[in-house]
Amino acid sequence: MNTDRAVFVYTTYPSIVEAEAAGRALVGERLCACVNILPGMVSYYWWQGAVERGEEAVMIVKTRAELSERVASAIKDRHSYAVPAIIVIPLESVDQPYLEWLMAETEAAAGQG
């Protein structure tokens, strides 16, 4: 895998508290350089044969492509949903200084492979 590719990992949480705990852990473990948490999202979705409504927080995890599977696993390990949304989004272009920062901040986790 190309080690200089960045991705976003998109996920949602049922509360800002759960999202912040997960995000802090991901950053602390160097699995990502940054998370953005956006509270106040309203979702409608099918679940067990019925349309449900939920208030959620979105979390966007900024990381290396090579760490995306470990990020997904860490999200699943800490998530209260039976089926959390975990979507890896490849990035077509990233400003070079930002990419260099992201790679530097995640280098320790990438080296643990």
C-alpha atoms as a PDB file:
ATOM      1  CA  MET A   1       0.000   0.000   0.000  1.00  0.00           C
ATOM      2  CA  ASN A   2       1.169   3.515  -0.810  1.00  0.00           C
ATOM      3  CA  THR A   3       2.226   5.001   2.528  1.00  0.00           C
ATOM      4  CA  ASP A   4       1.734   8.613   1.498  1.00  0.00           C
ATOM      5  CA  ARG A   5      -2.016   8.401   0.928  1.00  0.00           C
ATOM      6  CA  ALA A   6      -4.478  10.003   3.291  1.00  0.00           C
ATOM      7  CA  VAL A   7      -8.069   8.912   3.854  1.00  0.00           C
ATOM      8  CA  PHE A   8     -11.074  10.012   5.850  1.00  0.00           C
ATOM      9  CA  VAL A   9     -12.863   7.414   7.935  1.00  0.00           C
ATOM     10  CA  TYR A  10     -16.490   8.476   8.425  1.00  0.00           C
ATOM     11  CA  THR A  11     -18.529   7.163  11.319  1.00  0.00           C
ATOM     12  CA  THR A  12     -21.419   8.228  13.536  1.00  0.00           C
ATOM     13  CA  TYR A  13     -22.107   7.941  17.261  1.00  0.00           C
ATOM     14  CA  PRO A  14     -25.307   8.131  19.321  1.00  0.00           C
ATOM     15  CA  SER A  15     -23.877  10.900  21.505  1.00  0.00           C
ATOM     16  CA  ILE A  16     -21.197  13.551  21.572  1.00  0.00           C
ATOM     17  CA  VAL A  17     -19.833  11.966  24.759  1.00  0.00           C
ATOM     18  CA  GLU A  18     -19.223   8.602  23.050  1.00  0.00           C
ATOM     19  CA  ALA A  19     -17.781  10.292  19.953  1.00  0.00           C
ATOM     20  CA  GLU A  20     -15.374  12.390  22.023  1.00  0.00           C
ATOM     21  CA  ALA A  21     -14.168   9.386  24.016  1.00  0.00           C
ATOM     22  CA  ALA A  22     -13.540   7.398  20.839  1.00  0.00           C
ATOM     23  CA  GLY A  23     -11.926  10.316  19.052  1.00  0.00           C
ATOM     24  CA  ARG A  24      -9.615  11.104  21.950  1.00  0.00           C
ATOM     25  CA  ALA A  25      -8.518   7.448  22.078  1.00  0.00           C
ATOM     26  CA  LEU A  26      -7.832   7.302  18.318  1.00  0.00           C
ATOM     27  CA  VAL A  27      -5.729  10.466  18.438  1.00  0.00           C
ATOM     28  CA  GLY A  28      -3.987   9.325  21.620  1.00  0.00           C
ATOM     29  CA  GLU A  29      -3.018   6.022  20.007  1.00  0.00           C
ATOM     30  CA  ARG A  30      -1.668   7.908  16.953  1.00  0.00           C
ATOM     31  CA  LEU A  31      -4.052   5.973  14.695  1.00  0.00           C
ATOM     32  CA  CYS A  32      -5.011   9.329  13.228  1.00  0.00           C
ATOM     33  CA  ALA A  33      -3.724  12.872  13.208  1.00  0.00           C
ATOM     34  CA  CYS A  34      -7.082  14.471  13.874  1.00  0.00           C
ATOM     35  CA  VAL A  35     -10.788  13.808  14.313  1.00  0.00           C
ATOM     36  CA  ASN A  36     -13.601  16.227  13.603  1.00  0.00           C
ATOM     37  CA  ILE A  37     -16.773  15.695  15.620  1.00  0.00           C
ATOM     38  CA  LEU A  38     -19.961  17.325  14.395  1.00  0.00           C
ATOM     39  CA  PRO A  39     -22.825  17.040  16.882  1.00  0.00           C
ATOM     40  CA  GLY A  40     -26.486  17.560  16.124  1.00  0.00           C
ATOM     41  CA  MET A  41     -27.036  15.369  13.072  1.00  0.00           C
ATOM     42  CA  VAL A  42     -30.482  13.842  12.576  1.00  0.00           C
ATOM     43  CA  SER A  43     -30.607  10.463  10.847  1.00  0.00           C
ATOM     44  CA  TYR A  44     -33.467   8.430   9.419  1.00  0.00           C
ATOM     45  CA  TYR A  45     -32.649   4.822   8.629  1.00  0.00           C
ATOM     46  CA  TRP A  46     -34.058   1.345   8.332  1.00  0.00           C
ATOM     47  CA  TRP A  47     -33.413  -0.895  11.340  1.00  0.00           C
ATOM     48  CA  GLN A  48     -35.018  -4.273  11.939  1.00  0.00           C
ATOM     49  CA  GLY A  49     -37.865  -3.636   9.498  1.00  0.00           C
ATOM     50  CA  ALA A  50     -38.828  -0.146  10.645  1.00  0.00           C
ATOM     51  CA  VAL A  51     -37.791   3.404   9.846  1.00  0.00           C
ATOM     52  CA  GLU A  52     -35.987   4.875  12.839  1.00  0.00           C
ATOM     53  CA  ARG A  53     -34.986   8.422  13.712  1.00  0.00           C
ATOM     54  CA  GLY A  54     -31.851   9.168  15.680  1.00  0.00           C
ATOM     55  CA  GLU A  55     -29.833  12.138  16.796  1.00  0.00           C
ATOM     56  CA  GLU A  56     -26.165  11.450  16.251  1.00  0.00           C
ATOM     57  CA  ALA A  57     -22.707  12.966  16.138  1.00  0.00           C
ATOM     58  CA  VAL A  58     -20.610  12.539  12.992  1.00  0.00           C
ATOM     59  CA  MET A  59     -16.919  11.804  13.367  1.00  0.00           C
ATOM     60  CA  ILE A  60     -14.442  12.230  10.526  1.00  0.00           C
ATOM     61  CA  VAL A  61     -11.113  10.551  11.224  1.00  0.00           C
ATOM     62  CA  LYS A  62      -8.098  11.841   9.265  1.00  0.00           C
ATOM     63  CA  THR A  63      -5.490   9.145   8.844  1.00  0.00           C
ATOM     64  CA  ARG A  64      -3.176   7.203   6.546  1.00  0.00           C
ATOM     65  CA  ALA A  65      -4.684   4.710   4.120  1.00  0.00           C
ATOM     66  CA  GLU A  66      -2.495   1.993   5.619  1.00  0.00           C
ATOM     67  CA  LEU A  67      -4.046   2.584   9.072  1.00  0.00           C
ATOM     68  CA  SER A  68      -7.676   2.507   7.949  1.00  0.00           C
ATOM     69  CA  GLU A  69      -8.261  -1.138   8.922  1.00  0.00           C
ATOM     70  CA  ARG A  70      -6.807  -0.554  12.396  1.00  0.00           C
ATOM     71  CA  VAL A  71      -8.939   2.580  12.768  1.00  0.00           C
ATOM     72  CA  ALA A  72     -12.042   0.611  11.745  1.00  0.00           C
ATOM     73  CA  SER A  73     -11.211  -2.112  14.250  1.00  0.00           C
ATOM     74  CA  ALA A  74     -10.637   0.432  17.041  1.00  0.00           C
ATOM     75  CA  ILE A  75     -13.968   2.091  16.237  1.00  0.00           C
ATOM     76  CA  LYS A  76     -15.789  -1.260  16.365  1.00  0.00           C
ATOM     77  CA  ASP A  77     -14.129  -2.172  19.672  1.00  0.00           C
ATOM     78  CA  ARG A  78     -15.392   1.031  21.342  1.00  0.00           C
ATOM     79  CA  HIS A  79     -18.751   1.468  19.617  1.00  0.00           C
ATOM     80  CA  SER A  80     -22.168   0.960  21.214  1.00  0.00           C
ATOM     81  CA  TYR A  81     -23.941   0.311  17.879  1.00  0.00           C
ATOM     82  CA  ALA A  82     -24.338  -3.301  16.738  1.00  0.00           C
ATOM     83  CA  VAL A  83     -23.626  -2.133  13.173  1.00  0.00           C
ATOM     84  CA  PRO A  84     -21.667   1.138  13.189  1.00  0.00           C
ATOM     85  CA  ALA A  85     -21.188   3.076   9.974  1.00  0.00           C
ATOM     86  CA  ILE A  86     -17.503   2.868   9.100  1.00  0.00           C
ATOM     87  CA  ILE A  87     -16.752   4.258   5.658  1.00  0.00           C
ATOM     88  CA  VAL A  88     -13.234   4.807   4.334  1.00  0.00           C
ATOM     89  CA  ILE A  89     -13.107   7.672   1.839  1.00  0.00           C
ATOM     90  CA  PRO A  90     -10.003   7.986  -0.346  1.00  0.00           C
ATOM     91  CA  LEU A  91      -8.851  11.562  -0.872  1.00  0.00           C
ATOM     92  CA  GLU A  92      -8.045  12.687  -4.369  1.00  0.00           C
ATOM     93  CA  SER A  93      -5.879  15.596  -3.337  1.00  0.00           C
ATOM     94  CA  VAL A  94      -4.420  16.879  -0.060  1.00  0.00           C
ATOM     95  CA  ASP A  95      -2.442  20.079   0.420  1.00  0.00           C
ATOM     96  CA  GLN A  96       1.202  18.965   0.738  1.00  0.00           C
ATOM     97  CA  PRO A  97       2.035  20.646   4.089  1.00  0.00           C
ATOM     98  CA  TYR A  98      -1.135  19.195   5.620  1.00  0.00           C
ATOM     99  CA  LEU A  99      -0.347  15.750   4.230  1.00  0.00           C
ATOM    100  CA  GLU A 100       3.173  15.939   5.659  1.00  0.00           C
ATOM    101  CA  TRP A 101       1.746  16.873   9.074  1.00  0.00           C
ATOM    102  CA  LEU A 102      -0.785  14.004   8.949  1.00  0.00           C
ATOM    103  CA  MET A 103       1.923  11.507   7.996  1.00  0.00           C
ATOM    104  CA  ALA A 104       4.285  12.735  10.723  1.00  0.00           C
ATOM    105  CA  GLU A 105       1.611  12.500  13.416  1.00  0.00           C
ATOM    106  CA  THR A 106       0.672   8.919  12.462  1.00  0.00           C
ATOM    107  CA  GLU A 107       4.164   7.606  11.771  1.00  0.00           C
ATOM    108  CA  ALA A 108       4.485   5.832  15.140  1.00  0.00           C
ATOM    109  CA  ALA A 109       1.298   3.806  14.602  1.00  0.00           C
ATOM    110  CA  ALA A 110       2.231   3.017  11.010  1.00  0.00           C
ATOM    111  CA  GLY A 111       5.553   1.646  12.202  1.00  0.00           C
ATOM    112  CA  GLN A 112       3.716  -0.803  14.514  1.00  0.00           C
ATOM    113  CA  GLY A 113       2.112  -2.330  11.436  1.00  0.00           C
END
